[in-house]
C-alpha cells in the first residue's frame, strides 16, 4: 500500500470548542511505521483534557490514544509486525534502548517526549482534505478509521479477545490497575482509598481487589459512579459532595488512616486529600493528569515525622509489551472486568455526543466502534 487513504477522524480544532468529525488523508507508513485499520477507540478523559487545552497540545489535533486495530500495511524496517496482526496502541512511544527503557521503565521513555503531538521524527501522517498537516494525540491519533503510527507505539496481541476490550487495556486499565500493582504494590489485607470512580478510578478499585486489599473505599461526587464502584470491588463508598471534612471522615472510616490512597481525578487539592487520609507509613499515588498550573500543598513535617510517601504514577508504571498480555490473561481468567467498563458505544459521527457525555460524567467508558 503506497497511496494515501481517506478516513474519518475526530479533531480538536480549538481549545474549548466542541470536537469535530472530518474526512482526513492518512499517509502510508514510512520506515519503522505501520498503518492500522482501527476497530475501537475509548473516549478517555485525557482526550477531553486535550480538547479543552488542559493538556496543552497545539490544535488542530486528531484525538484518540486508547485504541485497538489490525495492521494493514508495514513500512521498511518493521520485522516484529505483519499485515493481519491484531494490535493495541500505546500512547507512550517505547524506543527500547534509552536509559528508562533499559531499566524497565518504558513509560518514561525519552522518545515519548518527542512524540507528544507528532510521530517521533517530528512529522505526522495525517492531513486535512486541503493537505494541511494535523497533529496527533501522543503519537497516536487513533480516533479515526485508519491511522499510521510508529511501531514503537503499538503492541501485538495474540489472545482472541474482543477489540473493544483490547482497546480498554491500552490506557484506562493499564493506568488504574498498574498504579496499584506496579507503583504502590498494594499488599493483601491492606486498606485502600480511591478518589474518583471514572474509567481510571474503577480500574484502580479492581486492581486493589485483585491485589487482595481487605477494605477498598471509593470516593466520588456521583452516587451512580459509587454504585458502579461496588461492582468493581469497592467495599465502602463516600460521596465527597456530602462531606465538609472528607479527610477526617476517611481516617475514621479506615480506623486511623489508609495504607494506600490513589488520586484518579487530576486535581491538586484531591492529591492533598489522598495524602491526608493516610496512616503513618502510608503511600499516596497521584494518577490523574492535572493542569500544568495546578499545585498541591502538604504539611512538610508529615513526610519525615510520619514517614508517609507521595509518589506519582504515569501509565500505570507499566511495561506495555509485558503488562498488556498479562491484563488480558486476567480478563480471560475472570479476574479482571473489562466488558462492564463500557457503558455506551458510539459511531464515529457520534463523537461530539460521546465527549459531551464524558464531560457530564455519564459513562464509565464510552467506546467508539468502527467495525
Protein backbone atom coordinates (compact mmCIF):
# COMPACT_ATOMS: atom_id res chain seq x y z
CA UNK A 1 0.00 0.00 0.00
CA UNK A 2 1.82 3.08 -1.23
CA UNK A 3 -1.00 5.58 -1.60
CA UNK A 4 -2.67 7.76 0.98
CA UNK A 5 -6.11 6.72 2.18
CA UNK A 6 -9.17 8.70 3.17
CA UNK A 7 -10.54 8.22 6.69
CA UNK A 8 -12.92 9.79 9.19
CA UNK A 9 -11.30 11.27 12.28
CA UNK A 10 -12.19 13.17 15.46
CA UNK A 11 -10.39 16.52 15.78
CA UNK A 12 -9.97 19.25 18.36
CA UNK A 13 -9.80 22.33 16.15
CA UNK A 14 -9.58 24.83 19.01
CA UNK A 15 -9.20 24.58 22.77
CA UNK A 16 -12.58 24.68 24.47
CA UNK A 17 -14.59 24.16 21.30
CA UNK A 18 -16.65 21.03 20.58
CA UNK A 19 -14.78 18.28 18.76
CA UNK A 20 -15.44 17.81 15.06
CA UNK A 21 -15.61 14.74 12.84
CA UNK A 22 -13.92 15.25 9.49
CA UNK A 23 -12.53 13.45 6.47
CA UNK A 24 -8.73 13.28 6.57
CA UNK A 25 -5.91 11.85 4.50
CA UNK A 26 -3.80 9.08 6.04
CA UNK A 27 -0.35 8.71 4.52
CA UNK A 28 1.18 5.25 4.06
CA UNK A 29 3.81 4.08 6.56
CA UNK A 30 7.42 5.13 6.23
CA UNK A 31 10.42 3.32 7.70
CA UNK A 32 9.59 1.82 11.08
CA UNK A 33 5.87 2.58 10.81
CA UNK A 34 2.63 0.65 10.40
CA UNK A 35 -0.81 1.57 9.13
CA UNK A 36 -3.78 0.35 11.16
CA UNK A 37 -7.41 -0.27 10.38
CA UNK A 38 -8.96 0.75 13.68
CA UNK A 39 -11.67 -1.34 15.32
CA UNK A 40 -12.31 0.52 18.56
CA UNK A 41 -11.14 3.58 20.47
CA UNK A 42 -12.02 4.53 24.02
CA UNK A 43 -13.13 8.08 24.77
CA UNK A 44 -10.68 8.90 27.56
CA UNK A 45 -10.70 11.91 29.86
CA UNK A 46 -7.21 12.75 28.59
CA UNK A 47 -8.71 13.30 25.13
CA UNK A 48 -11.22 15.68 26.70
CA UNK A 49 -8.37 17.45 28.53
CA UNK A 50 -6.55 17.90 25.22
CA UNK A 51 -9.69 19.29 23.59
CA UNK A 52 -10.12 21.71 26.49
CA UNK A 53 -6.48 22.74 26.49
CA UNK A 54 -5.73 21.34 29.97
CA UNK A 55 -3.24 19.09 28.22
CA UNK A 56 -1.67 21.79 26.02
CA UNK A 57 -1.40 20.04 22.66
CA UNK A 58 -1.43 22.51 19.77
CA UNK A 59 -4.58 22.31 17.62
CA UNK A 60 -5.68 21.10 15.25
CA UNK A 61 -5.06 17.68 16.77
CA UNK A 62 -6.55 14.30 15.94
CA UNK A 63 -7.62 12.75 19.23
CA UNK A 64 -7.52 9.16 20.39
CA UNK A 65 -4.88 7.01 22.07
CA UNK A 66 -6.82 4.13 23.67
CA UNK A 67 -7.22 2.03 20.55
CA UNK A 68 -7.12 -1.41 19.00
CA UNK A 69 -6.94 -2.39 15.36
CA UNK A 70 -5.38 -4.53 12.66
CA UNK A 71 -2.17 -3.89 10.75
CA UNK A 72 -2.96 -3.29 7.06
CA UNK A 73 0.45 -2.08 5.86
CA UNK A 74 4.03 -2.01 7.15
CA UNK A 75 6.96 0.21 6.25
CA UNK A 76 10.59 -0.74 5.72
CA UNK A 77 12.43 -1.93 8.80
CA UNK A 78 9.36 -3.39 10.50
CA UNK A 79 10.13 -7.00 11.42
CA UNK A 80 8.06 -7.75 14.52
CA UNK A 81 4.71 -6.87 12.98
CA UNK A 82 2.96 -8.06 9.83
CA UNK A 83 -0.21 -7.38 7.89
CA UNK A 84 -3.10 -9.02 9.70
CA UNK A 85 -1.65 -8.68 13.22
CA UNK A 86 -4.04 -7.54 15.95
CA UNK A 87 -2.52 -4.71 17.98
CA UNK A 88 -3.31 -2.21 20.69
CA UNK A 89 -1.83 1.26 20.81
CA UNK A 90 0.49 2.70 23.44
CA UNK A 91 0.40 6.46 23.94
CA UNK A 92 3.99 6.23 25.16
CA UNK A 93 6.49 5.61 22.38
CA UNK A 94 8.91 2.97 23.68
CA UNK A 95 12.27 3.01 21.91
CA UNK A 96 13.63 0.06 23.89
CA UNK A 97 17.17 1.37 24.37
CA UNK A 98 17.11 4.67 26.29
CA UNK A 99 18.02 4.81 29.98
CA UNK A 100 14.40 4.33 31.06
CA UNK A 101 13.54 1.53 28.66
CA UNK A 102 16.78 -0.24 29.57
CA UNK A 103 15.95 -0.12 33.28
CA UNK A 104 12.38 -1.40 32.94
CA UNK A 105 10.58 1.95 32.97
CA UNK A 106 9.44 2.39 29.34
CA UNK A 107 6.57 4.62 30.42
CA UNK A 108 9.22 7.31 30.91
CA UNK A 109 10.93 6.69 27.55
CA UNK A 110 12.94 9.65 26.26
CA UNK A 111 11.48 9.12 22.79
CA UNK A 112 7.96 9.75 24.08
CA UNK A 113 8.87 13.38 24.75
CA UNK A 114 9.46 13.75 21.01
CA UNK A 115 6.06 12.24 20.18
CA UNK A 116 3.59 14.26 22.22
CA UNK A 117 1.71 15.50 19.15
CA UNK A 118 3.65 14.05 16.21
CA UNK A 119 5.44 10.83 15.35
CA UNK A 120 8.93 10.52 16.88
CA UNK A 121 10.55 12.11 13.82
CA UNK A 122 8.53 15.31 14.34
CA UNK A 123 6.18 14.76 11.39
CA UNK A 124 2.65 13.43 11.02
CA UNK A 125 0.92 11.09 8.56
CA UNK A 126 -2.46 12.80 8.89
CA UNK A 127 -3.59 15.78 6.82
CA UNK A 128 -6.87 17.55 6.31
CA UNK A 129 -8.52 17.45 2.91
CA UNK A 130 -6.62 20.59 1.87
CA UNK A 131 -3.32 18.86 2.61
CA UNK A 132 -2.52 20.71 5.84
CA UNK A 133 -0.76 18.55 8.46
CA UNK A 134 -2.72 17.56 11.55
CA UNK A 135 -1.17 16.96 14.95
CA UNK A 136 -1.90 13.68 16.71
CA UNK A 137 -2.50 12.87 20.36
CA UNK A 138 0.64 11.33 21.92
CA UNK A 139 1.96 9.87 18.70
CA UNK A 140 -1.31 8.03 18.10
CA UNK A 141 -4.34 9.94 16.80
CA UNK A 142 -6.35 6.74 16.59
CA UNK A 143 -9.86 8.12 16.97
CA UNK A 144 -10.11 7.54 13.25
CA UNK A 145 -10.96 4.76 10.81
CA UNK A 146 -7.28 4.42 9.94
CA UNK A 147 -4.02 5.69 11.38
CA UNK A 148 -0.30 5.40 10.70
CA UNK A 149 1.84 5.00 13.82
CA UNK A 150 5.44 4.27 14.62
CA UNK A 151 5.97 0.61 15.50
CA UNK A 152 7.16 1.71 18.96
CA UNK A 153 3.59 2.87 19.70
CA UNK A 154 1.88 -0.47 19.11
CA UNK A 155 1.82 -3.79 20.94
CA UNK A 156 0.87 -7.06 19.28
CA UNK A 157 -1.85 -9.08 20.99
CA UNK A 158 -2.11 -12.81 20.43
CA UNK A 159 -5.15 -13.68 22.54
CA UNK A 160 -8.57 -13.94 20.91
CA UNK A 161 -10.28 -11.14 22.86
CA UNK A 162 -12.68 -8.54 21.51
CA UNK A 163 -11.05 -5.43 20.10
CA UNK A 164 -13.12 -3.26 22.44
CA UNK A 165 -11.63 -4.99 25.48
CA UNK A 166 -8.15 -4.75 23.98
CA UNK A 167 -8.62 -1.01 23.49
CA UNK A 168 -9.50 -0.55 27.16
CA UNK A 169 -6.31 -2.29 28.24
CA UNK A 170 -4.21 0.20 26.29
CA UNK A 171 -4.92 3.14 28.63
CA UNK A 172 -7.56 3.15 31.37
CA UNK A 173 -6.96 -0.37 32.62
CA UNK A 174 -3.17 -0.13 32.40
CA UNK A 175 -3.20 3.21 34.20
CA UNK A 176 -5.55 2.21 37.02
CA UNK A 177 -4.51 -1.38 37.69
CA UNK A 178 -0.86 -0.52 37.11
CA UNK A 179 -0.93 2.22 39.75
CA UNK A 180 -1.95 -0.42 42.26
CA UNK A 181 0.23 -3.37 41.33
CA UNK A 182 3.28 -1.62 39.84
CA UNK A 183 3.56 1.72 41.64
CA UNK A 184 2.03 1.13 45.09
CA UNK A 185 2.43 -2.66 45.23
CA UNK A 186 -0.67 -3.00 47.38
CA UNK A 187 -0.40 -5.80 49.90
CA UNK A 188 -3.11 -8.39 50.73
CA UNK A 189 -5.24 -7.45 53.73
CA UNK A 190 -4.49 -3.73 53.42
CA UNK A 191 -6.80 -0.72 53.34
CA UNK A 192 -7.06 1.47 50.23
CA UNK A 193 -8.94 4.64 49.28
CA UNK A 194 -9.54 5.55 45.63
CA UNK A 195 -10.51 9.13 44.78
CA UNK A 196 -12.53 9.24 41.55
CA UNK A 197 -14.66 6.41 40.19
CA UNK A 198 -14.29 7.17 36.50
CA UNK A 199 -12.56 4.98 33.95
CA UNK A 200 -9.15 5.04 35.66
CA UNK A 201 -10.51 5.02 39.21
CA UNK A 202 -12.68 1.96 38.61
CA UNK A 203 -9.60 0.13 37.40
CA UNK A 204 -7.64 1.21 40.46
CA UNK A 205 -10.50 -0.18 42.53
CA UNK A 206 -10.46 -3.52 40.78
CA UNK A 207 -6.68 -3.51 40.93
CA UNK A 208 -6.92 -3.24 44.72
CA UNK A 209 -9.44 -6.07 44.71
CA UNK A 210 -7.15 -8.27 42.62
CA UNK A 211 -4.23 -7.43 44.92
CA UNK A 212 -6.24 -8.64 47.92
CA UNK A 213 -6.97 -5.37 49.76
CA UNK A 214 -9.40 -6.07 52.58
CA UNK A 215 -11.04 -2.64 52.60
CA UNK A 216 -11.47 -0.54 49.45
CA UNK A 217 -13.13 2.84 49.81
CA UNK A 218 -14.35 4.59 46.67
CA UNK A 219 -14.76 8.38 46.80
CA UNK A 220 -16.71 10.34 44.19
CA UNK A 221 -19.35 13.06 43.88
CA UNK A 222 -21.83 10.98 41.89
CA UNK A 223 -23.90 8.24 43.52
CA UNK A 224 -24.21 6.46 40.17
CA UNK A 225 -20.43 6.11 39.95
CA UNK A 226 -20.19 4.97 43.55
CA UNK A 227 -22.76 2.27 42.83
CA UNK A 228 -20.64 1.15 39.87
CA UNK A 229 -17.55 1.19 42.10
CA UNK A 230 -19.06 -1.57 44.23
CA UNK A 231 -19.38 -3.74 41.13
CA UNK A 232 -15.63 -3.38 40.63
CA UNK A 233 -14.72 -4.30 44.20
CA UNK A 234 -15.28 -1.30 46.47
CA UNK A 235 -16.31 -2.40 49.96
CA UNK A 236 -17.27 1.12 51.09
CA UNK A 237 -18.26 4.34 49.32
CA UNK A 238 -18.18 8.02 50.30
CA UNK A 239 -19.91 10.83 48.42
CA UNK A 240 -17.45 13.73 48.67
CA UNK A 241 -20.10 16.32 47.84
CA UNK A 242 -21.91 15.48 51.09
CA UNK A 243 -18.87 15.82 53.37
CA UNK A 244 -17.33 19.02 54.69
CA UNK A 245 -14.35 17.21 56.27
CA UNK A 246 -13.58 14.39 53.90
CA UNK A 247 -10.13 13.57 55.26
CA UNK A 248 -11.46 13.24 58.81
CA UNK A 249 -14.31 11.01 57.59
CA UNK A 250 -11.93 8.74 55.71
CA UNK A 251 -9.47 8.46 58.57
CA UNK A 252 -12.30 7.46 60.91
CA UNK A 253 -13.77 5.01 58.40
CA UNK A 254 -10.40 3.31 57.85
CA UNK A 255 -9.61 3.06 61.54
CA UNK A 256 -6.94 5.74 61.71
CA UNK A 257 -5.93 6.09 58.10
CA UNK A 258 -5.50 4.09 54.92
CA UNK A 259 -2.44 2.10 53.92
CA UNK A 260 -2.79 3.33 50.34
CA UNK A 261 -4.64 6.16 48.59
CA UNK A 262 -4.99 6.76 44.85
CA UNK A 263 -5.85 10.14 43.33
CA UNK A 264 -7.53 9.50 39.97
CA UNK A 265 -9.06 12.93 39.39
CA UNK A 266 -6.26 15.26 38.36
CA UNK A 267 -6.66 17.98 41.00
CA UNK A 268 -4.01 19.17 43.42
CA UNK A 269 -6.50 19.55 46.27
CA UNK A 270 -7.53 15.91 45.84
CA UNK A 271 -3.88 14.83 45.91
CA UNK A 272 -3.65 16.59 49.29
CA UNK A 273 -6.76 14.74 50.49
CA UNK A 274 -5.30 11.42 49.36
CA UNK A 275 -2.12 12.15 51.28
CA UNK A 276 -4.06 13.42 54.29
CA UNK A 277 -6.18 10.30 54.71
CA UNK A 278 -3.12 8.03 55.10
CA UNK A 279 -1.98 6.37 58.28
CA UNK A 280 1.63 6.73 59.35
CA UNK A 281 3.83 4.94 56.83
CA UNK A 282 1.13 5.03 54.16
CA UNK A 283 1.53 5.67 50.45
CA UNK A 284 -0.44 8.06 48.26
CA UNK A 285 -0.23 7.79 44.47
CA UNK A 286 -1.09 10.70 42.17
CA UNK A 287 -2.52 9.16 39.00
CA UNK A 288 -4.78 11.84 37.49
CA UNK A 289 -3.48 14.29 34.89
CA UNK A 290 -3.68 17.79 36.34
CA UNK A 291 -3.44 21.17 34.69
CA UNK A 292 0.10 22.49 34.26
CA UNK A 293 -0.82 25.34 36.64
CA UNK A 294 -2.25 23.12 39.36
CA UNK A 295 -0.35 22.71 42.64
CA UNK A 296 -0.56 20.62 45.80
CA UNK A 297 0.12 21.83 49.34
CA UNK A 298 1.18 19.42 52.10
CA UNK A 299 2.38 19.66 55.68
CA UNK A 300 6.07 19.04 55.05
CA UNK A 301 6.74 17.72 58.54
CA UNK A 302 4.50 14.71 57.96
CA UNK A 303 6.83 13.42 55.27
CA UNK A 304 9.57 12.76 57.80
CA UNK A 305 7.71 12.53 61.10
CA UNK A 306 5.08 10.10 59.84
CA UNK A 307 7.13 8.50 57.06
CA UNK A 308 4.36 8.99 54.55
CA UNK A 309 5.08 8.64 50.85
CA UNK A 310 3.62 10.68 48.00
CA UNK A 311 4.54 9.41 44.56
CA UNK A 312 3.39 9.81 41.00
CA UNK A 313 2.40 7.12 38.54
CA UNK A 314 2.36 7.58 34.78
CA UNK A 315 0.69 4.99 32.56
CA UNK A 316 0.44 2.58 35.46
CA UNK A 317 4.25 2.47 35.72
CA UNK A 318 3.75 -0.22 33.13
CA UNK A 319 5.73 -2.22 30.65
CA UNK A 320 3.07 -2.44 27.93
CA UNK A 321 4.59 -5.31 25.96
CA UNK A 322 4.54 -7.43 29.10
CA UNK A 323 1.63 -5.94 31.03
CA UNK A 324 -0.95 -5.79 28.21
CA UNK A 325 -0.92 -9.58 27.67
CA UNK A 326 -0.99 -10.15 31.44
CA UNK A 327 -4.03 -7.94 31.86
CA UNK A 328 -5.82 -9.73 29.04
CA UNK A 329 -4.92 -13.07 30.66
CA UNK A 330 -6.52 -11.85 33.92
CA UNK A 331 -9.64 -10.94 31.95
CA UNK A 332 -9.79 -14.36 30.32
CA UNK A 333 -9.41 -15.96 33.74
CA UNK A 334 -12.42 -14.00 35.01
CA UNK A 335 -10.39 -11.89 37.43
CA UNK A 336 -10.46 -8.56 35.55
CA UNK A 337 -13.66 -6.83 34.44
CA UNK A 338 -13.48 -5.24 31.01
CA UNK A 339 -16.89 -5.59 29.38
CA UNK A 340 -18.53 -3.90 32.37
CA UNK A 341 -16.40 -0.78 31.85
CA UNK A 342 -18.06 0.03 28.53
CA UNK A 343 -21.26 1.86 29.38
CA UNK A 344 -22.01 3.26 25.92
CA UNK A 345 -20.89 2.60 22.34
CA UNK A 346 -20.82 5.29 19.65
CA UNK A 347 -20.31 5.51 15.91
CA UNK A 348 -17.54 7.91 14.93
CA UNK A 349 -20.04 10.52 13.75
CA UNK A 350 -21.46 10.49 17.30
CA UNK A 351 -18.12 11.55 18.79
CA UNK A 352 -19.35 15.04 19.81
CA UNK A 353 -22.06 13.37 21.88
CA UNK A 354 -19.51 10.95 23.33
CA UNK A 355 -17.42 13.88 24.55
CA UNK A 356 -20.48 15.67 25.93
CA UNK A 357 -21.41 12.52 27.84
CA UNK A 358 -17.86 12.21 29.14
CA UNK A 359 -17.85 15.82 30.31
CA UNK A 360 -21.17 15.24 32.09
CA UNK A 361 -19.86 12.12 33.81
CA UNK A 362 -22.42 9.80 32.22
CA UNK A 363 -20.06 6.95 31.32
CA UNK A 364 -17.50 4.73 32.96
CA UNK A 365 -16.03 4.47 29.48
CA UNK A 366 -17.56 5.43 26.18
CA UNK A 367 -16.26 3.46 23.22
CA UNK A 368 -16.19 4.48 19.56
CA UNK A 369 -16.60 1.36 17.46
CA UNK A 370 -15.53 1.37 13.81
CA UNK A 371 -16.43 -2.16 12.72
